[in-house]
Amino acid sequence: MSLHRKLFSMAIVASMVLLTPTAAGASSAGHDDEPRRLATGLSGGAGSTIGPDGALYVTETMSGEISRVDRTTGAVTTYATGLPLALGVPGGSMDVAFLDGKAYVLVTLVGPDIGGSHVVGLYRMDGPSTFTVVADIGAWAIAHPPNSPYAVDSGAQYALQAYRGEFLVTDGHHNRVLRVTRTGEVSEVVAFGNIVPTGLAVRGNTVYMAEAGPDPHLPEDGKIVAFDARSPQPREVASGGRMLVDVEFGRGNKLYALSQGYFPPGNPHASPALPNTGELLLTKHDGTFAVVADELNQPTSVEIVGRTAYVITLTGEVWTVGI
């Protein structure tokens, strides 16, 4: 087995060992409403988006499905099936975004370079169980390796964000943001050192990006940065969150970050934070964070509608947090 395969296999094993059920509801800090479980039973929650119909859509990495979650009742229905299955955690269908009414899915860590047989890239859903590979991001990544050290040639893409009729994609392993078009073109927007870019949000022409920070994902390395994708000059917006995995705007242009939680030093790369240590954070004007909700169980993604944040967890649950 090659070094690349060994590293990836170790991460898979460690990730599965750390996945545990939620023991209890998380507590909130400074808010009246404690987090409440809206839905459960998803096969490994990862990315999410609000669809054209106002429902919550969640990718399920272990089943290759996308589920539709009714934001009022919590009812879960299958929206799409047949996507490549994850070889481990992370991997598979990582995120979903809608553009002109069509669902596009980011699929990662399923390629031949790590023992898989599928395309690492952007998939367009054409029907409930049919799709078209729009862009082969893995092939592009292999042909255009990053300047920073890496172990997986095709990268480990994390987040998908619609932007000006195209898409932005973070690669948390190759430490860069890519632009991907609906005609299959892939290009680099901006590259970083070892900062582990994760979630994305957009306001106008400005892109906001979460950074998990390098292993062991210390709080001082958990940041939100902002840049214009047309001429990126990243600037720091806030720092101090452990292992940040997403960023999202709420009412009044308030900016929130999602912390997956405490990552024990020495744990294998790509393994998740410890259970029930995640937090939903509010960015303050002084560049720090205030805790909105804590004890979240390995959260991966957040969407905000009105006064409610919808938090997706790696264990396949959706929680609501009043904000």
C-alpha atoms as a PDB file:
ATOM      1  CA  MET A   1       0.000   0.000   0.000  1.00  0.00           C
ATOM      2  CA  SER A   2       1.370   3.455  -0.951  1.00  0.00           C
ATOM      3  CA  LEU A   3       1.944   6.206   1.612  1.00  0.00           C
ATOM      4  CA  HIS A   4      -1.017   8.119   0.185  1.00  0.00           C
ATOM      5  CA  ARG A   5      -3.319   5.131   0.655  1.00  0.00           C
ATOM      6  CA  LYS A   6      -2.015   4.503   4.179  1.00  0.00           C
ATOM      7  CA  LEU A   7      -2.652   8.083   5.261  1.00  0.00           C
ATOM      8  CA  PHE A   8      -6.145   8.041   3.814  1.00  0.00           C
ATOM      9  CA  SER A   9      -6.989   4.656   5.337  1.00  0.00           C
ATOM     10  CA  MET A  10      -5.826   5.787   8.776  1.00  0.00           C
ATOM     11  CA  ALA A  11      -8.081   8.835   8.552  1.00  0.00           C
ATOM     12  CA  ILE A  12     -11.059   6.686   7.578  1.00  0.00           C
ATOM     13  CA  VAL A  13     -10.593   4.323  10.512  1.00  0.00           C
ATOM     14  CA  ALA A  14     -10.112   7.135  13.015  1.00  0.00           C
ATOM     15  CA  SER A  15     -13.140   8.997  11.701  1.00  0.00           C
ATOM     16  CA  MET A  16     -15.452   6.017  12.051  1.00  0.00           C
ATOM     17  CA  VAL A  17     -14.244   5.319  15.578  1.00  0.00           C
ATOM     18  CA  LEU A  18     -15.053   8.883  16.624  1.00  0.00           C
ATOM     19  CA  LEU A  19     -18.602   8.926  15.263  1.00  0.00           C
ATOM     20  CA  THR A  20     -21.002   8.618  18.197  1.00  0.00           C
ATOM     21  CA  PRO A  21     -24.716   9.284  18.650  1.00  0.00           C
ATOM     22  CA  THR A  22     -25.902  12.513  20.189  1.00  0.00           C
ATOM     23  CA  ALA A  23     -26.389  12.035  23.910  1.00  0.00           C
ATOM     24  CA  ALA A  24     -28.434  15.139  24.649  1.00  0.00           C
ATOM     25  CA  GLY A  25     -29.501  18.484  23.261  1.00  0.00           C
ATOM     26  CA  ALA A  26     -26.859  21.176  23.123  1.00  0.00           C
ATOM     27  CA  SER A  27     -27.088  24.174  25.414  1.00  0.00           C
ATOM     28  CA  SER A  28     -27.298  27.766  24.279  1.00  0.00           C
ATOM     29  CA  ALA A  29     -25.465  30.788  25.588  1.00  0.00           C
ATOM     30  CA  GLY A  30     -27.236  34.146  25.680  1.00  0.00           C
ATOM     31  CA  HIS A  31     -30.344  32.946  23.829  1.00  0.00           C
ATOM     32  CA  ASP A  32     -33.758  31.827  25.069  1.00  0.00           C
ATOM     33  CA  ASP A  33     -34.191  28.833  22.770  1.00  0.00           C
ATOM     34  CA  GLU A  34     -32.040  25.775  23.295  1.00  0.00           C
ATOM     35  CA  PRO A  35     -31.102  23.778  20.196  1.00  0.00           C
ATOM     36  CA  ARG A  36     -33.767  21.284  19.199  1.00  0.00           C
ATOM     37  CA  ARG A  37     -33.498  18.204  17.038  1.00  0.00           C
ATOM     38  CA  LEU A  38     -35.521  18.675  13.865  1.00  0.00           C
ATOM     39  CA  ALA A  39     -34.608  15.536  11.923  1.00  0.00           C
ATOM     40  CA  THR A  40     -32.563  12.377  12.300  1.00  0.00           C
ATOM     41  CA  GLY A  41     -31.663   9.231  10.373  1.00  0.00           C
ATOM     42  CA  LEU A  42     -29.527  10.781   7.646  1.00  0.00           C
ATOM     43  CA  SER A  43     -26.642   8.620   6.449  1.00  0.00           C
ATOM     44  CA  GLY A  44     -23.755  10.865   7.382  1.00  0.00           C
ATOM     45  CA  GLY A  45     -24.747  14.518   7.045  1.00  0.00           C
ATOM     46  CA  ALA A  46     -22.268  16.775   5.252  1.00  0.00           C
ATOM     47  CA  GLY A  47     -23.173  19.846   3.195  1.00  0.00           C
ATOM     48  CA  SER A  48     -26.471  21.670   2.908  1.00  0.00           C
ATOM     49  CA  THR A  49     -28.353  24.436   1.170  1.00  0.00           C
ATOM     50  CA  ILE A  50     -31.778  26.062   1.073  1.00  0.00           C
ATOM     51  CA  GLY A  51     -33.495  25.007  -2.138  1.00  0.00           C
ATOM     52  CA  PRO A  52     -35.701  27.039  -4.484  1.00  0.00           C
ATOM     53  CA  ASP A  53     -38.758  25.732  -2.608  1.00  0.00           C
ATOM     54  CA  GLY A  54     -37.458  26.952   0.758  1.00  0.00           C
ATOM     55  CA  ALA A  55     -36.708  23.466   2.085  1.00  0.00           C
ATOM     56  CA  LEU A  56     -33.382  22.313   3.509  1.00  0.00           C
ATOM     57  CA  TYR A  57     -31.349  19.973   1.295  1.00  0.00           C
ATOM     58  CA  VAL A  58     -28.614  17.818   2.828  1.00  0.00           C
ATOM     59  CA  THR A  59     -26.004  15.554   1.246  1.00  0.00           C
ATOM     60  CA  GLU A  60     -25.593  12.092   2.755  1.00  0.00           C
ATOM     61  CA  THR A  61     -22.073  10.825   2.212  1.00  0.00           C
ATOM     62  CA  MET A  62     -22.593   7.197   3.242  1.00  0.00           C
ATOM     63  CA  SER A  63     -25.673   6.527   1.087  1.00  0.00           C
ATOM     64  CA  GLY A  64     -24.989   8.716  -1.941  1.00  0.00           C
ATOM     65  CA  GLU A  65     -28.276  10.529  -1.462  1.00  0.00           C
ATOM     66  CA  ILE A  66     -29.582  14.053  -1.093  1.00  0.00           C
ATOM     67  CA  SER A  67     -32.456  14.470   1.332  1.00  0.00           C
ATOM     68  CA  ARG A  68     -35.075  17.196   1.484  1.00  0.00           C
ATOM     69  CA  VAL A  69     -35.925  18.276   5.023  1.00  0.00           C
ATOM     70  CA  ASP A  70     -39.120  20.207   5.700  1.00  0.00           C
ATOM     71  CA  ARG A  71     -38.008  23.109   7.896  1.00  0.00           C
ATOM     72  CA  THR A  72     -41.325  23.184   9.757  1.00  0.00           C
ATOM     73  CA  THR A  73     -42.124  19.528  10.392  1.00  0.00           C
ATOM     74  CA  GLY A  74     -38.705  17.908  10.051  1.00  0.00           C
ATOM     75  CA  ALA A  75     -40.098  15.397   7.550  1.00  0.00           C
ATOM     76  CA  VAL A  76     -37.308  13.851   5.471  1.00  0.00           C
ATOM     77  CA  THR A  77     -37.831  12.744   1.869  1.00  0.00           C
ATOM     78  CA  THR A  78     -35.307  11.520  -0.677  1.00  0.00           C
ATOM     79  CA  TYR A  79     -34.544  14.078  -3.376  1.00  0.00           C
ATOM     80  CA  ALA A  80     -31.768  12.273  -5.256  1.00  0.00           C
ATOM     81  CA  THR A  81     -29.959   8.939  -5.167  1.00  0.00           C
ATOM     82  CA  GLY A  82     -27.147   7.140  -6.956  1.00  0.00           C
ATOM     83  CA  LEU A  83     -24.231   9.448  -6.210  1.00  0.00           C
ATOM     84  CA  PRO A  84     -20.808   7.870  -5.536  1.00  0.00           C
ATOM     85  CA  LEU A  85     -20.543   6.461  -2.039  1.00  0.00           C
ATOM     86  CA  ALA A  86     -17.931   7.655   0.410  1.00  0.00           C
ATOM     87  CA  LEU A  87     -14.906   5.427   0.870  1.00  0.00           C
ATOM     88  CA  GLY A  88     -14.693   6.807   4.393  1.00  0.00           C
ATOM     89  CA  VAL A  89     -15.191  10.011   6.358  1.00  0.00           C
ATOM     90  CA  PRO A  90     -14.820  12.536   4.793  1.00  0.00           C
ATOM     91  CA  GLY A  91     -15.731  11.787   1.193  1.00  0.00           C
ATOM     92  CA  GLY A  92     -18.570  11.166  -1.233  1.00  0.00           C
ATOM     93  CA  SER A  93     -21.202  13.851  -1.837  1.00  0.00           C
ATOM     94  CA  MET A  94     -19.848  16.676   0.297  1.00  0.00           C
ATOM     95  CA  ASP A  95     -22.054  19.630  -0.611  1.00  0.00           C
ATOM     96  CA  VAL A  96     -24.985  20.740  -2.744  1.00  0.00           C
ATOM     97  CA  ALA A  97     -26.004  24.043  -4.336  1.00  0.00           C
ATOM     98  CA  PHE A  98     -28.801  25.133  -6.654  1.00  0.00           C
ATOM     99  CA  LEU A  99     -28.294  27.299  -9.712  1.00  0.00           C
ATOM    100  CA  ASP A 100     -31.159  28.178 -12.072  1.00  0.00           C
ATOM    101  CA  GLY A 101     -33.297  25.531 -10.405  1.00  0.00           C
ATOM    102  CA  LYS A 102     -30.789  22.716 -10.940  1.00  0.00           C
ATOM    103  CA  ALA A 103     -29.033  20.897  -8.107  1.00  0.00           C
ATOM    104  CA  TYR A 104     -25.259  20.552  -8.346  1.00  0.00           C
ATOM    105  CA  VAL A 105     -23.301  18.255  -6.046  1.00  0.00           C
ATOM    106  CA  LEU A 106     -19.645  18.332  -5.029  1.00  0.00           C
ATOM    107  CA  VAL A 107     -18.205  14.799  -4.889  1.00  0.00           C
ATOM    108  CA  THR A 108     -14.738  14.158  -3.469  1.00  0.00           C
ATOM    109  CA  LEU A 109     -12.335  11.434  -2.301  1.00  0.00           C
ATOM    110  CA  VAL A 110     -13.816   8.755  -4.569  1.00  0.00           C
ATOM    111  CA  GLY A 111     -11.164   8.670  -7.307  1.00  0.00           C
ATOM    112  CA  PRO A 112      -8.652   6.059  -8.504  1.00  0.00           C
ATOM    113  CA  ASP A 113      -5.775   7.805  -6.718  1.00  0.00           C
ATOM    114  CA  ILE A 114      -7.159   6.528  -3.387  1.00  0.00           C
ATOM    115  CA  GLY A 115      -8.624   3.260  -4.597  1.00  0.00           C
ATOM    116  CA  GLY A 116     -11.986   4.493  -5.868  1.00  0.00           C
ATOM    117  CA  SER A 117     -13.516   4.291  -9.320  1.00  0.00           C
ATOM    118  CA  HIS A 118     -15.499   7.514  -9.670  1.00  0.00           C
ATOM    119  CA  VAL A 119     -14.908  11.068 -10.818  1.00  0.00           C
ATOM    120  CA  VAL A 120     -13.962  13.652  -8.226  1.00  0.00           C
ATOM    121  CA  GLY A 121     -15.866  16.695  -9.345  1.00  0.00           C
ATOM    122  CA  LEU A 122     -19.060  18.651  -9.876  1.00  0.00           C
ATOM    123  CA  TYR A 123     -22.179  16.615 -10.655  1.00  0.00           C
ATOM    124  CA  ARG A 124     -25.466  18.006 -12.002  1.00  0.00           C
ATOM    125  CA  MET A 125     -28.612  16.142 -10.983  1.00  0.00           C
ATOM    126  CA  ASP A 126     -30.733  15.549 -14.102  1.00  0.00           C
ATOM    127  CA  GLY A 127     -33.357  13.403 -12.361  1.00  0.00           C
ATOM    128  CA  PRO A 128     -34.027  11.609  -9.082  1.00  0.00           C
ATOM    129  CA  SER A 129     -31.317   9.025  -9.841  1.00  0.00           C
ATOM    130  CA  THR A 130     -29.509  10.371 -12.895  1.00  0.00           C
ATOM    131  CA  PHE A 131     -26.701  12.891 -13.101  1.00  0.00           C
ATOM    132  CA  THR A 132     -24.085  14.367 -15.396  1.00  0.00           C
ATOM    133  CA  VAL A 133     -20.474  14.965 -14.410  1.00  0.00           C
ATOM    134  CA  VAL A 134     -20.052  18.628 -15.269  1.00  0.00           C
ATOM    135  CA  ALA A 135     -16.422  19.122 -14.215  1.00  0.00           C
ATOM    136  CA  ASP A 136     -13.615  16.677 -13.403  1.00  0.00           C
ATOM    137  CA  ILE A 137     -12.043  18.597 -10.538  1.00  0.00           C
ATOM    138  CA  GLY A 138      -9.872  15.651  -9.535  1.00  0.00           C
ATOM    139  CA  ALA A 139      -8.194  15.430 -12.940  1.00  0.00           C
ATOM    140  CA  TRP A 140      -7.585  19.174 -12.894  1.00  0.00           C
ATOM    141  CA  ALA A 141      -6.093  18.972  -9.389  1.00  0.00           C
ATOM    142  CA  ILE A 142      -3.748  16.164 -10.415  1.00  0.00           C
ATOM    143  CA  ALA A 143      -2.627  18.158 -13.461  1.00  0.00           C
ATOM    144  CA  HIS A 144      -2.206  21.330 -11.371  1.00  0.00           C
ATOM    145  CA  PRO A 145      -0.741  20.255  -8.000  1.00  0.00           C
ATOM    146  CA  PRO A 146      -0.587  22.829  -5.194  1.00  0.00           C
ATOM    147  CA  ASN A 147       2.605  24.392  -3.923  1.00  0.00           C
ATOM    148  CA  SER A 148       1.853  23.249  -0.372  1.00  0.00           C
ATOM    149  CA  PRO A 149       2.542  19.653   0.789  1.00  0.00           C
ATOM    150  CA  TYR A 150      -0.204  17.109   0.088  1.00  0.00           C
ATOM    151  CA  ALA A 151      -0.873  13.361   0.283  1.00  0.00           C
ATOM    152  CA  VAL A 152      -3.966  12.938  -1.928  1.00  0.00           C
ATOM    153  CA  ASP A 153      -3.339  13.914  -5.548  1.00  0.00           C
ATOM    154  CA  SER A 154      -6.962  14.742  -6.367  1.00  0.00           C
ATOM    155  CA  GLY A 155      -7.406  16.861  -3.234  1.00  0.00           C
ATOM    156  CA  ALA A 156     -10.196  16.887  -0.665  1.00  0.00           C
ATOM    157  CA  GLN A 157     -12.837  19.367  -1.764  1.00  0.00           C
ATOM    158  CA  TYR A 158     -15.172  20.530   0.982  1.00  0.00           C
ATOM    159  CA  ALA A 159     -17.653  23.303   0.137  1.00  0.00           C
ATOM    160  CA  LEU A 160     -19.625  24.365  -2.930  1.00  0.00           C
ATOM    161  CA  GLN A 161     -20.969  27.904  -3.335  1.00  0.00           C
ATOM    162  CA  ALA A 162     -22.872  29.423  -6.255  1.00  0.00           C
ATOM    163  CA  TYR A 163     -21.183  32.656  -7.347  1.00  0.00           C
ATOM    164  CA  ARG A 164     -22.045  34.917 -10.307  1.00  0.00           C
ATOM    165  CA  GLY A 165     -23.477  32.078 -12.410  1.00  0.00           C
ATOM    166  CA  GLU A 166     -20.585  29.744 -11.611  1.00  0.00           C
ATOM    167  CA  PHE A 167     -19.322  27.937  -8.529  1.00  0.00           C
ATOM    168  CA  LEU A 168     -16.605  28.366  -5.951  1.00  0.00           C
ATOM    169  CA  VAL A 169     -15.107  25.246  -4.364  1.00  0.00           C
ATOM    170  CA  THR A 170     -12.799  24.984  -1.371  1.00  0.00           C
ATOM    171  CA  ASP A 171     -10.140  22.292  -1.249  1.00  0.00           C
ATOM    172  CA  GLY A 172      -9.278  21.703   2.397  1.00  0.00           C
ATOM    173  CA  HIS A 173      -6.306  19.497   1.524  1.00  0.00           C
ATOM    174  CA  HIS A 174      -4.725  21.439  -1.336  1.00  0.00           C
ATOM    175  CA  ASN A 175      -5.453  24.701   0.520  1.00  0.00           C
ATOM    176  CA  ARG A 176      -7.075  26.702  -2.248  1.00  0.00           C
ATOM    177  CA  VAL A 177     -10.321  27.992  -3.678  1.00  0.00           C
ATOM    178  CA  LEU A 178     -11.308  26.978  -7.200  1.00  0.00           C
ATOM    179  CA  ARG A 179     -13.699  28.449  -9.738  1.00  0.00           C
ATOM    180  CA  VAL A 180     -15.776  25.836 -11.573  1.00  0.00           C
ATOM    181  CA  THR A 181     -18.082  26.659 -14.481  1.00  0.00           C
ATOM    182  CA  ARG A 182     -21.145  24.795 -15.670  1.00  0.00           C
ATOM    183  CA  THR A 183     -19.259  23.991 -18.878  1.00  0.00           C
ATOM    184  CA  GLY A 184     -16.530  22.140 -16.998  1.00  0.00           C
ATOM    185  CA  GLU A 185     -13.771  24.721 -16.742  1.00  0.00           C
ATOM    186  CA  VAL A 186     -11.722  24.695 -13.535  1.00  0.00           C
ATOM    187  CA  SER A 187      -9.288  27.391 -12.415  1.00  0.00           C
ATOM    188  CA  GLU A 188      -7.617  28.559  -9.230  1.00  0.00           C
ATOM    189  CA  VAL A 189      -8.992  31.671  -7.556  1.00  0.00           C
ATOM    190  CA  VAL A 190      -6.596  31.905  -4.626  1.00  0.00           C
ATOM    191  CA  ALA A 191      -4.099  29.623  -2.879  1.00  0.00           C
ATOM    192  CA  PHE A 192      -3.067  29.618   0.768  1.00  0.00           C
ATOM    193  CA  GLY A 193      -0.551  28.055   3.078  1.00  0.00           C
ATOM    194  CA  ASN A 194      -1.684  25.221   5.334  1.00  0.00           C
ATOM    195  CA  ILE A 195      -4.879  26.859   6.641  1.00  0.00           C
ATOM    196  CA  VAL A 196      -7.486  24.206   5.648  1.00  0.00           C
ATOM    197  CA  PRO A 197     -10.224  26.238   3.914  1.00  0.00           C
ATOM    198  CA  THR A 198     -13.740  24.941   4.544  1.00  0.00           C
ATOM    199  CA  GLY A 199     -17.144  26.677   4.338  1.00  0.00           C
ATOM    200  CA  LEU A 200     -18.110  29.589   2.090  1.00  0.00           C
ATOM    201  CA  ALA A 201     -20.641  32.424   2.074  1.00  0.00           C
ATOM    202  CA  VAL A 202     -21.112  35.307  -0.360  1.00  0.00           C
ATOM    203  CA  ARG A 203     -22.295  38.911   0.051  1.00  0.00           C
ATOM    204  CA  GLY A 204     -22.257  40.848  -3.213  1.00  0.00           C
ATOM    205  CA  ASN A 205     -18.816  40.357  -4.739  1.00  0.00           C
ATOM    206  CA  THR A 206     -17.219  39.463  -1.410  1.00  0.00           C
ATOM    207  CA  VAL A 207     -16.513  35.852  -0.502  1.00  0.00           C
ATOM    208  CA  TYR A 208     -16.326  34.856   3.166  1.00  0.00           C
ATOM    209  CA  MET A 209     -14.411  31.684   3.955  1.00  0.00           C
ATOM    210  CA  ALA A 210     -13.948  29.617   7.104  1.00  0.00           C
ATOM    211  CA  GLU A 211     -10.548  28.197   8.005  1.00  0.00           C
ATOM    212  CA  ALA A 212     -10.254  25.109  10.192  1.00  0.00           C
ATOM    213  CA  GLY A 213      -6.537  25.712  10.611  1.00  0.00           C
ATOM    214  CA  PRO A 214      -3.795  23.078  10.422  1.00  0.00           C
ATOM    215  CA  ASP A 215      -3.729  20.010  12.653  1.00  0.00           C
ATOM    216  CA  PRO A 216      -4.405  20.176  15.636  1.00  0.00           C
ATOM    217  CA  HIS A 217      -6.835  22.963  14.646  1.00  0.00           C
ATOM    218  CA  LEU A 218      -6.077  25.366  17.492  1.00  0.00           C
ATOM    219  CA  PRO A 219      -8.561  28.193  18.253  1.00  0.00           C
ATOM    220  CA  GLU A 220      -6.145  30.894  17.113  1.00  0.00           C
ATOM    221  CA  ASP A 221      -6.003  29.212  13.693  1.00  0.00           C
ATOM    222  CA  GLY A 222      -9.785  29.024  13.294  1.00  0.00           C
ATOM    223  CA  LYS A 223     -10.616  32.115  11.238  1.00  0.00           C
ATOM    224  CA  ILE A 224     -13.026  33.754   8.855  1.00  0.00           C
ATOM    225  CA  VAL A 225     -11.410  35.649   5.999  1.00  0.00           C
ATOM    226  CA  ALA A 226     -12.944  37.706   3.207  1.00  0.00           C
ATOM    227  CA  PHE A 227     -11.847  38.455  -0.350  1.00  0.00           C
ATOM    228  CA  ASP A 228     -13.110  39.520  -3.761  1.00  0.00           C
ATOM    229  CA  ALA A 229     -12.879  36.512  -6.084  1.00  0.00           C
ATOM    230  CA  ARG A 230     -12.076  38.803  -9.022  1.00  0.00           C
ATOM    231  CA  SER A 231      -8.852  40.046  -7.396  1.00  0.00           C
ATOM    232  CA  PRO A 232      -8.393  38.133  -4.141  1.00  0.00           C
ATOM    233  CA  GLN A 233      -6.547  39.836  -1.307  1.00  0.00           C
ATOM    234  CA  PRO A 234      -7.766  37.887   1.745  1.00  0.00           C
ATOM    235  CA  ARG A 235      -8.294  39.866   4.946  1.00  0.00           C
ATOM    236  CA  GLU A 236      -9.075  38.486   8.383  1.00  0.00           C
ATOM    237  CA  VAL A 237     -12.602  39.107   9.680  1.00  0.00           C
ATOM    238  CA  ALA A 238     -12.528  37.112  12.918  1.00  0.00           C
ATOM    239  CA  SER A 239     -10.502  34.433  14.679  1.00  0.00           C
ATOM    240  CA  GLY A 240     -10.631  32.229  17.752  1.00  0.00           C
ATOM    241  CA  GLY A 241     -12.984  29.386  16.800  1.00  0.00           C
ATOM    242  CA  ARG A 242     -11.944  25.738  17.051  1.00  0.00           C
ATOM    243  CA  MET A 243     -11.912  23.834  13.757  1.00  0.00           C
ATOM    244  CA  LEU A 244     -14.273  26.128  11.826  1.00  0.00           C
ATOM    245  CA  VAL A 245     -16.184  24.238   9.133  1.00  0.00           C
ATOM    246  CA  ASP A 246     -18.758  26.733   7.857  1.00  0.00           C
ATOM    247  CA  VAL A 247     -19.727  30.391   7.692  1.00  0.00           C
ATOM    248  CA  GLU A 248     -23.157  31.878   7.068  1.00  0.00           C
ATOM    249  CA  PHE A 249     -24.963  35.226   7.155  1.00  0.00           C
ATOM    250  CA  GLY A 250     -28.025  35.804   9.305  1.00  0.00           C
ATOM    251  CA  ARG A 251     -30.445  38.686   9.834  1.00  0.00           C
ATOM    252  CA  GLY A 252     -28.988  42.173   9.767  1.00  0.00           C
ATOM    253  CA  ASN A 253     -25.845  40.984   7.994  1.00  0.00           C
ATOM    254  CA  LYS A 254     -24.709  39.224  11.153  1.00  0.00           C
ATOM    255  CA  LEU A 255     -21.993  36.720  10.324  1.00  0.00           C
ATOM    256  CA  TYR A 256     -21.971  33.306  11.993  1.00  0.00           C
ATOM    257  CA  ALA A 257     -19.356  30.561  12.070  1.00  0.00           C
ATOM    258  CA  LEU A 258     -19.705  26.867  12.833  1.00  0.00           C
ATOM    259  CA  SER A 259     -17.056  25.195  14.979  1.00  0.00           C
ATOM    260  CA  GLN A 260     -16.849  21.411  14.854  1.00  0.00           C
ATOM    261  CA  GLY A 261     -15.126  21.439  18.229  1.00  0.00           C
ATOM    262  CA  TYR A 262     -12.063  20.098  20.016  1.00  0.00           C
ATOM    263  CA  PHE A 263      -9.541  18.117  17.975  1.00  0.00           C
ATOM    264  CA  PRO A 264      -7.162  16.128  20.207  1.00  0.00           C
ATOM    265  CA  PRO A 265      -3.499  16.651  19.266  1.00  0.00           C
ATOM    266  CA  GLY A 266      -2.119  13.518  17.659  1.00  0.00           C
ATOM    267  CA  ASN A 267      -5.381  12.388  16.086  1.00  0.00           C
ATOM    268  CA  PRO A 268      -5.050  11.354  12.417  1.00  0.00           C
ATOM    269  CA  HIS A 269      -5.506  13.995   9.733  1.00  0.00           C
ATOM    270  CA  ALA A 270      -9.059  14.389   8.396  1.00  0.00           C
ATOM    271  CA  SER A 271     -10.683  12.847  11.451  1.00  0.00           C
ATOM    272  CA  PRO A 272     -13.513  14.849  13.059  1.00  0.00           C
ATOM    273  CA  ALA A 273     -13.548  16.773  16.314  1.00  0.00           C
ATOM    274  CA  LEU A 274     -14.608  15.073  19.535  1.00  0.00           C
ATOM    275  CA  PRO A 275     -18.363  14.513  19.925  1.00  0.00           C
ATOM    276  CA  ASN A 276     -20.492  17.213  21.576  1.00  0.00           C
ATOM    277  CA  THR A 277     -17.785  19.904  21.485  1.00  0.00           C
ATOM    278  CA  GLY A 278     -19.065  21.937  18.520  1.00  0.00           C
ATOM    279  CA  GLU A 279     -20.336  25.522  18.685  1.00  0.00           C
ATOM    280  CA  LEU A 280     -22.347  28.014  16.686  1.00  0.00           C
ATOM    281  CA  LEU A 281     -20.511  31.334  16.907  1.00  0.00           C
ATOM    282  CA  LEU A 282     -21.404  34.955  16.172  1.00  0.00           C
ATOM    283  CA  THR A 283     -18.738  37.250  14.765  1.00  0.00           C
ATOM    284  CA  LYS A 284     -18.211  40.372  16.876  1.00  0.00           C
ATOM    285  CA  HIS A 285     -17.053  43.794  15.696  1.00  0.00           C
ATOM    286  CA  ASP A 286     -13.706  43.388  17.454  1.00  0.00           C
ATOM    287  CA  GLY A 287     -12.829  40.303  15.405  1.00  0.00           C
ATOM    288  CA  THR A 288     -13.658  37.738  18.093  1.00  0.00           C
ATOM    289  CA  PHE A 289     -16.550  35.298  18.461  1.00  0.00           C
ATOM    290  CA  ALA A 290     -19.470  35.025  20.874  1.00  0.00           C
ATOM    291  CA  VAL A 291     -20.926  31.575  21.570  1.00  0.00           C
ATOM    292  CA  VAL A 292     -24.550  31.217  20.447  1.00  0.00           C
ATOM    293  CA  ALA A 293     -24.886  27.462  21.072  1.00  0.00           C
ATOM    294  CA  ASP A 294     -22.471  24.841  22.344  1.00  0.00           C
ATOM    295  CA  GLU A 295     -22.243  21.070  22.861  1.00  0.00           C
ATOM    296  CA  LEU A 296     -23.143  20.477  19.209  1.00  0.00           C
ATOM    297  CA  ASN A 297     -22.261  16.971  18.050  1.00  0.00           C
ATOM    298  CA  GLN A 298     -19.728  17.066  15.203  1.00  0.00           C
ATOM    299  CA  PRO A 299     -21.523  19.690  13.084  1.00  0.00           C
ATOM    300  CA  THR A 300     -20.567  19.986   9.424  1.00  0.00           C
ATOM    301  CA  SER A 301     -22.780  22.676   7.897  1.00  0.00           C
ATOM    302  CA  VAL A 302     -25.206  25.447   8.815  1.00  0.00           C
ATOM    303  CA  GLU A 303     -27.981  27.306   6.981  1.00  0.00           C
ATOM    304  CA  ILE A 304     -29.800  30.330   8.373  1.00  0.00           C
ATOM    305  CA  VAL A 305     -33.336  31.434   7.536  1.00  0.00           C
ATOM    306  CA  GLY A 306     -34.829  34.310   9.505  1.00  0.00           C
ATOM    307  CA  ARG A 307     -34.338  33.709  13.220  1.00  0.00           C
ATOM    308  CA  THR A 308     -33.365  30.047  12.894  1.00  0.00           C
ATOM    309  CA  ALA A 309     -30.060  28.321  12.210  1.00  0.00           C
ATOM    310  CA  TYR A 310     -30.209  24.776  10.850  1.00  0.00           C
ATOM    311  CA  VAL A 311     -27.176  22.739  11.881  1.00  0.00           C
ATOM    312  CA  ILE A 312     -26.308  19.477  10.111  1.00  0.00           C
ATOM    313  CA  THR A 313     -24.197  16.899  11.930  1.00  0.00           C
ATOM    314  CA  LEU A 314     -21.857  14.157  10.819  1.00  0.00           C
ATOM    315  CA  THR A 315     -24.033  11.688  12.725  1.00  0.00           C
ATOM    316  CA  GLY A 316     -26.999  12.384  10.435  1.00  0.00           C
ATOM    317  CA  GLU A 317     -29.084  14.845  12.416  1.00  0.00           C
ATOM    318  CA  VAL A 318     -30.476  18.338  11.825  1.00  0.00           C
ATOM    319  CA  TRP A 319     -30.765  20.698  14.795  1.00  0.00           C
ATOM    320  CA  THR A 320     -32.382  24.123  14.982  1.00  0.00           C
ATOM    321  CA  VAL A 321     -30.933  27.009  16.967  1.00  0.00           C
ATOM    322  CA  GLY A 322     -32.843  30.228  17.630  1.00  0.00           C
ATOM    323  CA  ILE A 323     -30.718  33.274  16.828  1.00  0.00           C
END
